[in-house]
Amino acid sequence: MRIRPPSRRIGILLSGRGSNFDAIAEGVASGALDAEIALVVSDRIDAPGLESARTRGLEVVHLSSAGLDRATFDQAVADELVRRQIALICLAGFMRILSPGFIRRFPNAVLNIHPSLLPAFPGLDAQQQALDHGVRFSGCTVHFVDESLDGGPIVRQAVVPVLPDDDAESLSARILVEEHGLYPDAIDVVLSGRCEIRGRRVVIRD
């Protein structure tokens, strides 16, 4: 299946500091990433990433999940994205698991970045999982989001060595450096129509 987004309008979902959002925004501002950040959404009004987006002059929306079930909240987020004609949704530290209804509404149009070499160590605390298992290499993965946990087709990966004296904090910091380069590149691959999903494989025409 060839992925052909109808435009280069992207929406960012975040919950925290938004360092990957900043990397994407810097790529857009510098011209390295040909995209338009049309909306930034957060479920937390105090998210530093939301303030960063405001400072950059981007349209932001805060949607509280208080008192809402997951499906109802996700529908509200989806409605905001559809209203702005978002072509690709990028999760940048969005600390919520998206409902199946949301994923089905945006098939092959949601990207996430995860701090491990998937399929190894999905879910929370991936860096500590890697250390606990004694692996020699870890890294990060950009993947399409499907209804499984961190299990969608993989777009890009970057490898980071695990050093003998690493703890979760030091390993996380080195992985984060790679994330900031990998995510904008993966977004460009998808927006440019250069990728095709064949079963579980993402084939990229460079």
N, C-alpha and C. Protein backbone atom coordinates (compact mmCIF):
# COMPACT_ATOMS: atom_id res chain seq x y z
N MET A 1 0.85 -1.20 0.00
CA MET A 1 0.00 0.00 0.00
C MET A 1 0.89 1.25 0.00
N ARG A 2 0.79 2.05 -1.04
CA ARG A 2 1.55 3.29 -1.13
C ARG A 2 0.90 4.35 -0.24
N ILE A 3 1.71 4.99 0.61
CA ILE A 3 1.21 6.03 1.50
C ILE A 3 1.37 7.37 0.79
N ARG A 4 0.24 8.03 0.52
CA ARG A 4 0.26 9.32 -0.18
C ARG A 4 -0.59 10.33 0.58
N PRO A 5 0.00 11.01 1.57
CA PRO A 5 -0.78 12.03 2.29
C PRO A 5 -1.26 13.11 1.33
N PRO A 6 -2.48 13.61 1.53
CA PRO A 6 -3.05 14.59 0.62
C PRO A 6 -2.40 15.97 0.70
N SER A 7 -1.65 16.22 1.77
CA SER A 7 -0.98 17.51 1.93
C SER A 7 0.19 17.32 2.88
N ARG A 8 0.87 18.41 3.18
CA ARG A 8 1.98 18.36 4.13
C ARG A 8 1.61 19.03 5.45
N ARG A 9 0.32 19.05 5.75
CA ARG A 9 -0.16 19.62 7.01
C ARG A 9 -0.09 18.55 8.09
N ILE A 10 0.68 18.84 9.14
CA ILE A 10 0.83 17.87 10.22
C ILE A 10 0.26 18.42 11.52
N GLY A 11 -0.19 17.50 12.37
CA GLY A 11 -0.65 17.84 13.70
C GLY A 11 0.22 17.12 14.72
N ILE A 12 0.58 17.81 15.78
CA ILE A 12 1.43 17.25 16.83
C ILE A 12 0.59 17.04 18.09
N LEU A 13 0.66 15.86 18.67
CA LEU A 13 0.02 15.58 19.96
C LEU A 13 1.12 15.40 21.00
N LEU A 14 1.05 16.14 22.09
CA LEU A 14 2.08 16.06 23.12
C LEU A 14 1.47 16.20 24.51
N SER A 15 2.23 15.75 25.50
CA SER A 15 1.79 15.85 26.89
C SER A 15 2.81 16.51 27.80
N GLY A 16 4.07 16.61 27.35
CA GLY A 16 5.12 17.06 28.25
C GLY A 16 6.02 18.11 27.65
N ARG A 17 7.34 17.86 27.80
CA ARG A 17 8.32 18.90 27.44
C ARG A 17 8.37 19.20 25.95
N GLY A 18 8.05 18.19 25.13
CA GLY A 18 7.96 18.45 23.69
C GLY A 18 9.28 18.62 22.99
N SER A 19 10.32 17.91 23.43
CA SER A 19 11.62 18.08 22.77
C SER A 19 11.58 17.55 21.33
N ASN A 20 10.84 16.48 21.08
CA ASN A 20 10.72 16.02 19.70
C ASN A 20 9.87 16.98 18.87
N PHE A 21 8.86 17.59 19.49
CA PHE A 21 8.12 18.64 18.80
C PHE A 21 9.07 19.76 18.40
N ASP A 22 9.94 20.19 19.33
CA ASP A 22 10.89 21.26 19.01
C ASP A 22 11.80 20.87 17.85
N ALA A 23 12.24 19.61 17.82
CA ALA A 23 13.09 19.16 16.72
C ALA A 23 12.34 19.21 15.39
N ILE A 24 11.08 18.81 15.41
CA ILE A 24 10.27 18.88 14.18
C ILE A 24 10.08 20.34 13.77
N ALA A 25 9.74 21.19 14.73
CA ALA A 25 9.50 22.60 14.43
C ALA A 25 10.76 23.27 13.90
N GLU A 26 11.92 22.92 14.46
CA GLU A 26 13.18 23.49 13.96
C GLU A 26 13.45 23.03 12.54
N GLY A 27 13.13 21.77 12.26
CA GLY A 27 13.30 21.28 10.89
C GLY A 27 12.43 22.02 9.90
N VAL A 28 11.20 22.30 10.30
CA VAL A 28 10.29 23.06 9.43
C VAL A 28 10.81 24.48 9.24
N ALA A 29 11.22 25.12 10.35
CA ALA A 29 11.68 26.51 10.29
C ALA A 29 12.93 26.66 9.43
N SER A 30 13.81 25.66 9.47
CA SER A 30 15.06 25.74 8.72
C SER A 30 14.89 25.36 7.25
N GLY A 31 13.77 24.75 6.91
CA GLY A 31 13.56 24.29 5.55
C GLY A 31 14.02 22.86 5.32
N ALA A 32 14.62 22.25 6.35
CA ALA A 32 15.07 20.87 6.20
C ALA A 32 13.89 19.90 6.10
N LEU A 33 12.77 20.26 6.70
CA LEU A 33 11.56 19.45 6.64
C LEU A 33 10.47 20.26 5.96
N ASP A 34 10.04 19.79 4.80
CA ASP A 34 9.00 20.48 4.03
C ASP A 34 7.64 20.06 4.58
N ALA A 35 7.17 20.78 5.57
CA ALA A 35 5.90 20.47 6.20
C ALA A 35 5.34 21.73 6.82
N GLU A 36 4.05 21.68 7.14
CA GLU A 36 3.39 22.77 7.84
C GLU A 36 2.80 22.22 9.13
N ILE A 37 3.24 22.75 10.26
CA ILE A 37 2.63 22.36 11.53
C ILE A 37 1.35 23.16 11.68
N ALA A 38 0.23 22.50 11.42
CA ALA A 38 -1.05 23.20 11.37
C ALA A 38 -1.76 23.22 12.72
N LEU A 39 -1.34 22.34 13.66
CA LEU A 39 -2.00 22.28 14.96
C LEU A 39 -1.13 21.52 15.95
N VAL A 40 -1.09 22.02 17.19
CA VAL A 40 -0.45 21.30 18.30
C VAL A 40 -1.51 21.11 19.37
N VAL A 41 -1.71 19.86 19.78
CA VAL A 41 -2.74 19.51 20.76
C VAL A 41 -2.07 18.90 21.99
N SER A 42 -2.54 19.29 23.17
CA SER A 42 -2.05 18.69 24.41
C SER A 42 -3.22 18.39 25.33
N ASP A 43 -3.07 17.29 26.07
CA ASP A 43 -4.05 16.96 27.10
C ASP A 43 -3.71 17.61 28.43
N ARG A 44 -2.56 18.29 28.49
CA ARG A 44 -2.13 18.95 29.72
C ARG A 44 -1.92 20.43 29.46
N ILE A 45 -2.61 21.26 30.21
CA ILE A 45 -2.53 22.70 29.98
C ILE A 45 -1.17 23.25 30.37
N ASP A 46 -0.44 22.55 31.26
CA ASP A 46 0.86 23.02 31.72
C ASP A 46 2.02 22.38 30.97
N ALA A 47 1.75 21.69 29.87
CA ALA A 47 2.81 21.03 29.12
C ALA A 47 3.78 22.08 28.55
N PRO A 48 5.08 21.97 28.85
CA PRO A 48 6.05 22.93 28.29
C PRO A 48 6.01 22.97 26.76
N GLY A 49 5.73 21.84 26.15
CA GLY A 49 5.65 21.82 24.69
C GLY A 49 4.56 22.70 24.13
N LEU A 50 3.47 22.84 24.89
CA LEU A 50 2.37 23.70 24.46
C LEU A 50 2.81 25.16 24.46
N GLU A 51 3.54 25.55 25.49
CA GLU A 51 4.04 26.93 25.55
C GLU A 51 5.06 27.19 24.46
N SER A 52 5.90 26.19 24.17
CA SER A 52 6.86 26.33 23.08
C SER A 52 6.14 26.57 21.76
N ALA A 53 5.04 25.85 21.54
CA ALA A 53 4.28 26.03 20.30
C ALA A 53 3.69 27.42 20.23
N ARG A 54 3.16 27.91 21.35
CA ARG A 54 2.61 29.28 21.36
C ARG A 54 3.71 30.29 21.02
N THR A 55 4.89 30.10 21.60
CA THR A 55 6.00 31.02 21.34
C THR A 55 6.36 31.04 19.86
N ARG A 56 6.20 29.91 19.21
CA ARG A 56 6.51 29.82 17.78
C ARG A 56 5.37 30.35 16.91
N GLY A 57 4.28 30.80 17.52
CA GLY A 57 3.17 31.34 16.77
C GLY A 57 2.27 30.30 16.13
N LEU A 58 2.31 29.07 16.63
CA LEU A 58 1.51 27.99 16.07
C LEU A 58 0.15 27.92 16.74
N GLU A 59 -0.81 27.37 16.05
CA GLU A 59 -2.13 27.19 16.64
C GLU A 59 -2.08 26.04 17.64
N VAL A 60 -2.56 26.28 18.84
CA VAL A 60 -2.53 25.26 19.88
C VAL A 60 -3.94 25.05 20.43
N VAL A 61 -4.18 23.83 20.88
CA VAL A 61 -5.45 23.48 21.51
C VAL A 61 -5.16 22.63 22.73
N HIS A 62 -5.72 23.02 23.86
CA HIS A 62 -5.67 22.17 25.05
C HIS A 62 -7.03 21.52 25.22
N LEU A 63 -7.02 20.19 25.33
CA LEU A 63 -8.25 19.44 25.55
C LEU A 63 -8.08 18.62 26.83
N SER A 64 -8.87 18.93 27.83
CA SER A 64 -8.79 18.19 29.09
C SER A 64 -9.55 16.87 28.97
N SER A 65 -8.95 15.83 29.54
CA SER A 65 -9.61 14.53 29.54
C SER A 65 -10.41 14.29 30.81
N ALA A 66 -10.44 15.27 31.70
CA ALA A 66 -11.13 15.11 32.98
C ALA A 66 -12.61 14.78 32.77
N GLY A 67 -13.03 13.68 33.37
CA GLY A 67 -14.42 13.28 33.30
C GLY A 67 -14.84 12.62 32.01
N LEU A 68 -13.89 12.41 31.08
CA LEU A 68 -14.22 11.82 29.79
C LEU A 68 -13.63 10.41 29.69
N ASP A 69 -14.37 9.51 29.08
CA ASP A 69 -13.76 8.21 28.80
C ASP A 69 -12.84 8.36 27.59
N ARG A 70 -12.04 7.33 27.35
CA ARG A 70 -11.00 7.43 26.32
C ARG A 70 -11.59 7.70 24.94
N ALA A 71 -12.65 6.99 24.61
CA ALA A 71 -13.24 7.15 23.27
C ALA A 71 -13.78 8.55 23.06
N THR A 72 -14.41 9.11 24.07
CA THR A 72 -14.98 10.46 23.94
C THR A 72 -13.89 11.50 23.80
N PHE A 73 -12.84 11.37 24.62
CA PHE A 73 -11.71 12.31 24.51
C PHE A 73 -11.06 12.20 23.13
N ASP A 74 -10.81 10.98 22.69
CA ASP A 74 -10.15 10.79 21.40
C ASP A 74 -11.00 11.35 20.26
N GLN A 75 -12.30 11.25 20.37
CA GLN A 75 -13.17 11.81 19.33
C GLN A 75 -13.03 13.33 19.27
N ALA A 76 -12.91 13.95 20.45
CA ALA A 76 -12.73 15.41 20.49
C ALA A 76 -11.41 15.81 19.83
N VAL A 77 -10.34 15.05 20.12
CA VAL A 77 -9.04 15.32 19.48
C VAL A 77 -9.15 15.13 17.98
N ALA A 78 -9.76 14.03 17.56
CA ALA A 78 -9.90 13.74 16.13
C ALA A 78 -10.68 14.83 15.42
N ASP A 79 -11.72 15.33 16.04
CA ASP A 79 -12.52 16.38 15.42
C ASP A 79 -11.69 17.65 15.17
N GLU A 80 -10.82 17.98 16.12
CA GLU A 80 -9.94 19.15 15.95
C GLU A 80 -8.98 18.93 14.78
N LEU A 81 -8.46 17.73 14.65
CA LEU A 81 -7.52 17.43 13.57
C LEU A 81 -8.22 17.46 12.21
N VAL A 82 -9.40 16.89 12.14
CA VAL A 82 -10.14 16.89 10.89
C VAL A 82 -10.52 18.31 10.49
N ARG A 83 -10.88 19.13 11.47
CA ARG A 83 -11.28 20.51 11.19
C ARG A 83 -10.14 21.29 10.52
N ARG A 84 -8.89 20.95 10.86
CA ARG A 84 -7.72 21.63 10.26
C ARG A 84 -7.16 20.88 9.06
N GLN A 85 -7.82 19.84 8.63
CA GLN A 85 -7.40 19.06 7.45
C GLN A 85 -5.97 18.55 7.61
N ILE A 86 -5.73 17.95 8.77
CA ILE A 86 -4.40 17.39 9.05
C ILE A 86 -4.19 16.13 8.22
N ALA A 87 -3.03 16.05 7.56
CA ALA A 87 -2.73 14.89 6.74
C ALA A 87 -1.94 13.83 7.49
N LEU A 88 -1.12 14.24 8.45
CA LEU A 88 -0.29 13.30 9.20
C LEU A 88 -0.24 13.75 10.66
N ILE A 89 -0.48 12.81 11.56
CA ILE A 89 -0.49 13.08 13.00
C ILE A 89 0.80 12.51 13.59
N CYS A 90 1.51 13.33 14.36
CA CYS A 90 2.78 12.91 14.94
C CYS A 90 2.68 12.98 16.46
N LEU A 91 2.88 11.85 17.11
CA LEU A 91 2.87 11.79 18.56
C LEU A 91 4.26 12.16 19.06
N ALA A 92 4.32 13.15 19.94
CA ALA A 92 5.61 13.62 20.45
C ALA A 92 5.54 13.67 21.98
N GLY A 93 5.64 12.49 22.58
CA GLY A 93 5.49 12.42 24.03
C GLY A 93 4.05 12.57 24.46
N PHE A 94 3.13 12.01 23.68
CA PHE A 94 1.71 12.04 24.04
C PHE A 94 1.45 10.85 24.94
N MET A 95 1.17 11.10 26.20
CA MET A 95 1.15 10.04 27.20
C MET A 95 -0.23 9.41 27.37
N ARG A 96 -0.85 9.11 26.25
CA ARG A 96 -2.14 8.43 26.25
C ARG A 96 -2.12 7.38 25.15
N ILE A 97 -2.77 6.25 25.42
CA ILE A 97 -2.93 5.22 24.41
C ILE A 97 -4.18 5.55 23.59
N LEU A 98 -4.00 5.70 22.30
CA LEU A 98 -5.11 6.08 21.43
C LEU A 98 -6.09 4.92 21.28
N SER A 99 -7.36 5.25 21.23
CA SER A 99 -8.40 4.23 21.14
C SER A 99 -8.45 3.64 19.73
N PRO A 100 -8.96 2.42 19.60
CA PRO A 100 -9.10 1.83 18.26
C PRO A 100 -9.91 2.71 17.31
N GLY A 101 -10.94 3.38 17.83
CA GLY A 101 -11.73 4.25 16.97
C GLY A 101 -10.91 5.37 16.37
N PHE A 102 -10.00 5.95 17.14
CA PHE A 102 -9.13 7.01 16.64
C PHE A 102 -8.23 6.47 15.53
N ILE A 103 -7.60 5.33 15.78
CA ILE A 103 -6.68 4.74 14.80
C ILE A 103 -7.42 4.42 13.49
N ARG A 104 -8.63 3.90 13.60
CA ARG A 104 -9.39 3.56 12.40
C ARG A 104 -9.81 4.80 11.63
N ARG A 105 -9.95 5.91 12.34
CA ARG A 105 -10.34 7.16 11.67
C ARG A 105 -9.18 7.74 10.86
N PHE A 106 -7.95 7.41 11.25
CA PHE A 106 -6.76 7.93 10.55
C PHE A 106 -5.84 6.77 10.17
N PRO A 107 -6.25 5.90 9.27
CA PRO A 107 -5.43 4.73 8.92
C PRO A 107 -4.12 5.14 8.25
N ASN A 108 -3.03 4.58 8.76
CA ASN A 108 -1.69 4.85 8.21
C ASN A 108 -1.39 6.34 8.16
N ALA A 109 -1.90 7.08 9.14
CA ALA A 109 -1.69 8.53 9.17
C ALA A 109 -1.25 9.01 10.55
N VAL A 110 -0.80 8.08 11.40
CA VAL A 110 -0.32 8.44 12.73
C VAL A 110 1.07 7.85 12.91
N LEU A 111 2.03 8.72 13.29
CA LEU A 111 3.40 8.28 13.56
C LEU A 111 3.71 8.45 15.04
N ASN A 112 4.58 7.57 15.53
CA ASN A 112 5.08 7.68 16.91
C ASN A 112 6.57 7.40 16.91
N ILE A 113 7.27 7.93 17.91
CA ILE A 113 8.67 7.59 18.11
C ILE A 113 8.80 6.95 19.47
N HIS A 114 9.55 5.84 19.52
CA HIS A 114 9.69 5.05 20.75
C HIS A 114 11.17 4.84 21.05
N PRO A 115 11.59 4.96 22.32
CA PRO A 115 13.02 4.89 22.67
C PRO A 115 13.55 3.48 22.83
N SER A 116 13.35 2.65 21.83
CA SER A 116 13.99 1.33 21.78
C SER A 116 13.99 0.87 20.33
N LEU A 117 14.70 -0.20 20.08
CA LEU A 117 14.69 -0.81 18.75
C LEU A 117 13.55 -1.82 18.72
N LEU A 118 12.37 -1.32 18.41
CA LEU A 118 11.21 -2.21 18.34
C LEU A 118 11.45 -3.33 17.33
N PRO A 119 10.92 -4.52 17.58
CA PRO A 119 9.89 -4.84 18.57
C PRO A 119 10.39 -5.08 19.98
N ALA A 120 11.67 -4.87 20.23
CA ALA A 120 12.17 -5.04 21.59
C ALA A 120 11.70 -3.90 22.49
N PHE A 121 11.30 -4.23 23.69
CA PHE A 121 11.01 -3.28 24.77
C PHE A 121 9.92 -2.25 24.43
N PRO A 122 8.73 -2.71 24.09
CA PRO A 122 7.61 -1.77 23.92
C PRO A 122 7.12 -1.27 25.27
N GLY A 123 6.25 -0.27 25.24
CA GLY A 123 5.64 0.21 26.46
C GLY A 123 6.52 1.17 27.24
N LEU A 124 6.22 1.31 28.51
CA LEU A 124 6.90 2.28 29.37
C LEU A 124 8.29 1.81 29.78
N ASP A 125 9.13 2.77 30.13
CA ASP A 125 10.46 2.50 30.69
C ASP A 125 11.31 1.62 29.77
N ALA A 126 11.26 1.92 28.48
CA ALA A 126 11.99 1.10 27.50
C ALA A 126 13.49 1.10 27.76
N GLN A 127 14.03 2.25 28.18
CA GLN A 127 15.47 2.32 28.42
C GLN A 127 15.88 1.43 29.60
N GLN A 128 15.09 1.44 30.66
CA GLN A 128 15.39 0.57 31.80
C GLN A 128 15.19 -0.89 31.43
N GLN A 129 14.20 -1.17 30.60
CA GLN A 129 14.03 -2.55 30.12
C GLN A 129 15.28 -3.02 29.39
N ALA A 130 15.84 -2.15 28.55
CA ALA A 130 17.04 -2.52 27.80
C ALA A 130 18.20 -2.81 28.75
N LEU A 131 18.37 -1.96 29.76
CA LEU A 131 19.44 -2.17 30.73
C LEU A 131 19.22 -3.46 31.52
N ASP A 132 18.00 -3.71 31.92
CA ASP A 132 17.69 -4.91 32.70
C ASP A 132 17.96 -6.19 31.92
N HIS A 133 17.81 -6.12 30.60
CA HIS A 133 18.05 -7.29 29.76
C HIS A 133 19.51 -7.42 29.33
N GLY A 134 20.32 -6.42 29.65
CA GLY A 134 21.75 -6.51 29.35
C GLY A 134 22.10 -6.42 27.89
N VAL A 135 21.29 -5.72 27.09
CA VAL A 135 21.59 -5.61 25.67
C VAL A 135 22.81 -4.71 25.44
N ARG A 136 23.49 -4.92 24.35
CA ARG A 136 24.67 -4.12 24.00
C ARG A 136 24.28 -2.90 23.16
N PHE A 137 23.13 -2.96 22.51
CA PHE A 137 22.67 -1.85 21.68
C PHE A 137 21.19 -1.61 21.94
N SER A 138 20.82 -0.34 21.93
CA SER A 138 19.41 0.05 21.97
C SER A 138 19.23 1.12 20.89
N GLY A 139 18.27 2.02 21.07
CA GLY A 139 18.08 3.05 20.05
C GLY A 139 16.67 3.58 20.06
N CYS A 140 16.20 3.97 18.89
CA CYS A 140 14.85 4.53 18.79
C CYS A 140 14.23 4.12 17.46
N THR A 141 12.91 4.16 17.44
CA THR A 141 12.14 3.68 16.29
C THR A 141 11.00 4.64 16.00
N VAL A 142 10.85 5.03 14.75
CA VAL A 142 9.65 5.73 14.29
C VAL A 142 8.78 4.70 13.57
N HIS A 143 7.52 4.62 13.99
CA HIS A 143 6.64 3.61 13.41
C HIS A 143 5.24 4.17 13.22
N PHE A 144 4.52 3.57 12.29
CA PHE A 144 3.10 3.85 12.16
C PHE A 144 2.38 3.28 13.38
N VAL A 145 1.35 3.98 13.81
CA VAL A 145 0.59 3.54 14.97
C VAL A 145 -0.60 2.72 14.50
N ASP A 146 -0.70 1.51 15.06
CA ASP A 146 -1.89 0.69 14.82
C ASP A 146 -2.53 0.37 16.17
N GLU A 147 -3.38 -0.62 16.23
CA GLU A 147 -4.11 -0.89 17.45
C GLU A 147 -3.32 -1.71 18.46
N SER A 148 -2.10 -2.11 18.12
CA SER A 148 -1.24 -2.82 19.05
C SER A 148 -0.37 -1.82 19.81
N LEU A 149 0.28 -2.28 20.86
CA LEU A 149 1.15 -1.42 21.66
C LEU A 149 2.52 -1.34 21.01
N ASP A 150 2.85 -0.18 20.44
CA ASP A 150 4.16 0.05 19.80
C ASP A 150 4.47 -1.05 18.78
N GLY A 151 3.43 -1.50 18.06
CA GLY A 151 3.63 -2.64 17.17
C GLY A 151 3.41 -2.36 15.71
N GLY A 152 3.20 -1.09 15.32
CA GLY A 152 2.92 -0.78 13.93
C GLY A 152 4.17 -0.88 13.05
N PRO A 153 3.99 -0.87 11.73
CA PRO A 153 5.10 -0.98 10.79
C PRO A 153 6.17 0.09 11.03
N ILE A 154 7.43 -0.32 10.94
CA ILE A 154 8.57 0.52 11.27
C ILE A 154 9.02 1.33 10.06
N VAL A 155 9.17 2.64 10.26
CA VAL A 155 9.61 3.54 9.19
C VAL A 155 11.13 3.73 9.24
N ARG A 156 11.64 4.14 10.38
CA ARG A 156 13.07 4.39 10.55
C ARG A 156 13.52 3.94 11.93
N GLN A 157 14.81 3.55 12.03
CA GLN A 157 15.41 3.23 13.32
C GLN A 157 16.82 3.80 13.39
N ALA A 158 17.26 4.10 14.60
CA ALA A 158 18.64 4.53 14.84
C ALA A 158 19.18 3.74 16.02
N VAL A 159 20.44 3.32 15.92
CA VAL A 159 21.07 2.45 16.92
C VAL A 159 21.96 3.28 17.84
N VAL A 160 21.89 2.97 19.14
CA VAL A 160 22.71 3.62 20.15
C VAL A 160 23.38 2.53 20.98
N PRO A 161 24.71 2.57 21.15
CA PRO A 161 25.36 1.56 21.99
C PRO A 161 25.00 1.76 23.46
N VAL A 162 24.90 0.66 24.17
CA VAL A 162 24.69 0.70 25.61
C VAL A 162 26.06 0.55 26.27
N LEU A 163 26.47 1.57 27.02
CA LEU A 163 27.80 1.58 27.64
C LEU A 163 27.77 0.88 28.99
N PRO A 164 28.93 0.34 29.42
CA PRO A 164 28.97 -0.43 30.67
C PRO A 164 28.47 0.34 31.89
N ASP A 165 28.71 1.65 31.92
CA ASP A 165 28.31 2.43 33.10
C ASP A 165 26.99 3.17 32.90
N ASP A 166 26.23 2.82 31.88
CA ASP A 166 24.96 3.50 31.62
C ASP A 166 23.94 3.23 32.72
N ASP A 167 23.16 4.25 33.03
CA ASP A 167 21.91 4.06 33.75
C ASP A 167 20.80 4.55 32.85
N ALA A 168 19.56 4.48 33.33
CA ALA A 168 18.43 4.85 32.46
C ALA A 168 18.53 6.30 32.01
N GLU A 169 19.03 7.18 32.87
CA GLU A 169 19.10 8.60 32.52
C GLU A 169 20.13 8.85 31.43
N SER A 170 21.32 8.27 31.54
CA SER A 170 22.36 8.52 30.54
C SER A 170 22.01 7.88 29.21
N LEU A 171 21.44 6.68 29.25
CA LEU A 171 21.04 6.02 28.00
C LEU A 171 19.91 6.80 27.33
N SER A 172 18.95 7.26 28.13
CA SER A 172 17.84 8.04 27.58
C SER A 172 18.34 9.30 26.88
N ALA A 173 19.34 9.96 27.49
CA ALA A 173 19.85 11.21 26.92
C ALA A 173 20.49 10.97 25.55
N ARG A 174 21.25 9.87 25.42
CA ARG A 174 21.90 9.60 24.13
C ARG A 174 20.88 9.16 23.08
N ILE A 175 19.89 8.41 23.50
CA ILE A 175 18.83 8.02 22.56
C ILE A 175 18.06 9.25 22.09
N LEU A 176 17.81 10.18 23.00
CA LEU A 176 17.04 11.38 22.65
C LEU A 176 17.73 12.19 21.56
N VAL A 177 19.05 12.26 21.60
CA VAL A 177 19.80 12.96 20.56
C VAL A 177 19.48 12.36 19.19
N GLU A 178 19.44 11.04 19.12
CA GLU A 178 19.13 10.37 17.86
C GLU A 178 17.67 10.59 17.45
N GLU A 179 16.78 10.60 18.43
CA GLU A 179 15.37 10.84 18.14
C GLU A 179 15.17 12.15 17.39
N HIS A 180 15.89 13.18 17.83
CA HIS A 180 15.68 14.51 17.26
C HIS A 180 16.07 14.60 15.79
N GLY A 181 16.96 13.74 15.34
CA GLY A 181 17.28 13.69 13.92
C GLY A 181 16.40 12.72 13.15
N LEU A 182 16.04 11.62 13.82
CA LEU A 182 15.31 10.55 13.14
C LEU A 182 13.88 10.93 12.83
N TYR A 183 13.20 11.58 13.77
CA TYR A 183 11.77 11.84 13.61
C TYR A 183 11.48 12.77 12.43
N PRO A 184 12.14 13.92 12.32
CA PRO A 184 11.88 14.77 11.14
C PRO A 184 12.16 14.05 9.82
N ASP A 185 13.20 13.23 9.80
CA ASP A 185 13.51 12.48 8.58
C ASP A 185 12.39 11.51 8.23
N ALA A 186 11.88 10.80 9.24
CA ALA A 186 10.80 9.85 8.99
C ALA A 186 9.52 10.57 8.52
N ILE A 187 9.25 11.71 9.12
CA ILE A 187 8.07 12.49 8.69
C ILE A 187 8.20 12.88 7.23
N ASP A 188 9.39 13.31 6.84
CA ASP A 188 9.62 13.70 5.44
C ASP A 188 9.41 12.52 4.50
N VAL A 189 9.88 11.34 4.91
CA VAL A 189 9.70 10.13 4.09
C VAL A 189 8.23 9.87 3.83
N VAL A 190 7.41 10.01 4.86
CA VAL A 190 5.98 9.73 4.71
C VAL A 190 5.29 10.82 3.89
N LEU A 191 5.56 12.08 4.23
CA LEU A 191 4.89 13.18 3.54
C LEU A 191 5.25 13.24 2.05
N SER A 192 6.44 12.82 1.72
CA SER A 192 6.88 12.89 0.33
C SER A 192 6.34 11.76 -0.53
N GLY A 193 5.61 10.82 0.11
CA GLY A 193 5.04 9.71 -0.65
C GLY A 193 6.06 8.67 -1.06
N ARG A 194 7.19 8.63 -0.34
CA ARG A 194 8.26 7.71 -0.71
C ARG A 194 8.19 6.36 0.00
N CYS A 195 7.12 6.11 0.76
CA CYS A 195 7.07 4.83 1.46
C CYS A 195 5.83 4.04 1.09
N GLU A 196 5.98 2.74 1.18
CA GLU A 196 4.91 1.81 0.85
C GLU A 196 4.89 0.72 1.92
N ILE A 197 3.71 0.38 2.42
CA ILE A 197 3.59 -0.67 3.41
C ILE A 197 3.26 -1.98 2.70
N ARG A 198 4.14 -2.97 2.88
CA ARG A 198 3.94 -4.30 2.31
C ARG A 198 3.89 -5.28 3.47
N GLY A 199 2.70 -5.63 3.87
CA GLY A 199 2.56 -6.48 5.05
C GLY A 199 3.01 -5.71 6.29
N ARG A 200 4.09 -6.19 6.93
CA ARG A 200 4.64 -5.49 8.08
C ARG A 200 5.84 -4.62 7.70
N ARG A 201 6.26 -4.66 6.46
CA ARG A 201 7.45 -3.93 6.04
C ARG A 201 7.07 -2.57 5.46
N VAL A 202 7.89 -1.57 5.78
CA VAL A 202 7.78 -0.26 5.14
C VAL A 202 8.94 -0.17 4.15
N VAL A 203 8.62 -0.11 2.88
CA VAL A 203 9.63 -0.01 1.83
C VAL A 203 9.74 1.46 1.44
N ILE A 204 10.98 1.98 1.48
CA ILE A 204 11.24 3.39 1.23
C ILE A 204 12.03 3.56 -0.05
N ARG A 205 11.56 4.44 -0.91
CA ARG A 205 12.27 4.77 -2.13
C ARG A 205 13.11 6.02 -1.87
N ASP A 206 14.40 5.83 -1.70
CA ASP A 206 15.31 6.96 -1.44
C ASP A 206 15.78 7.60 -2.74
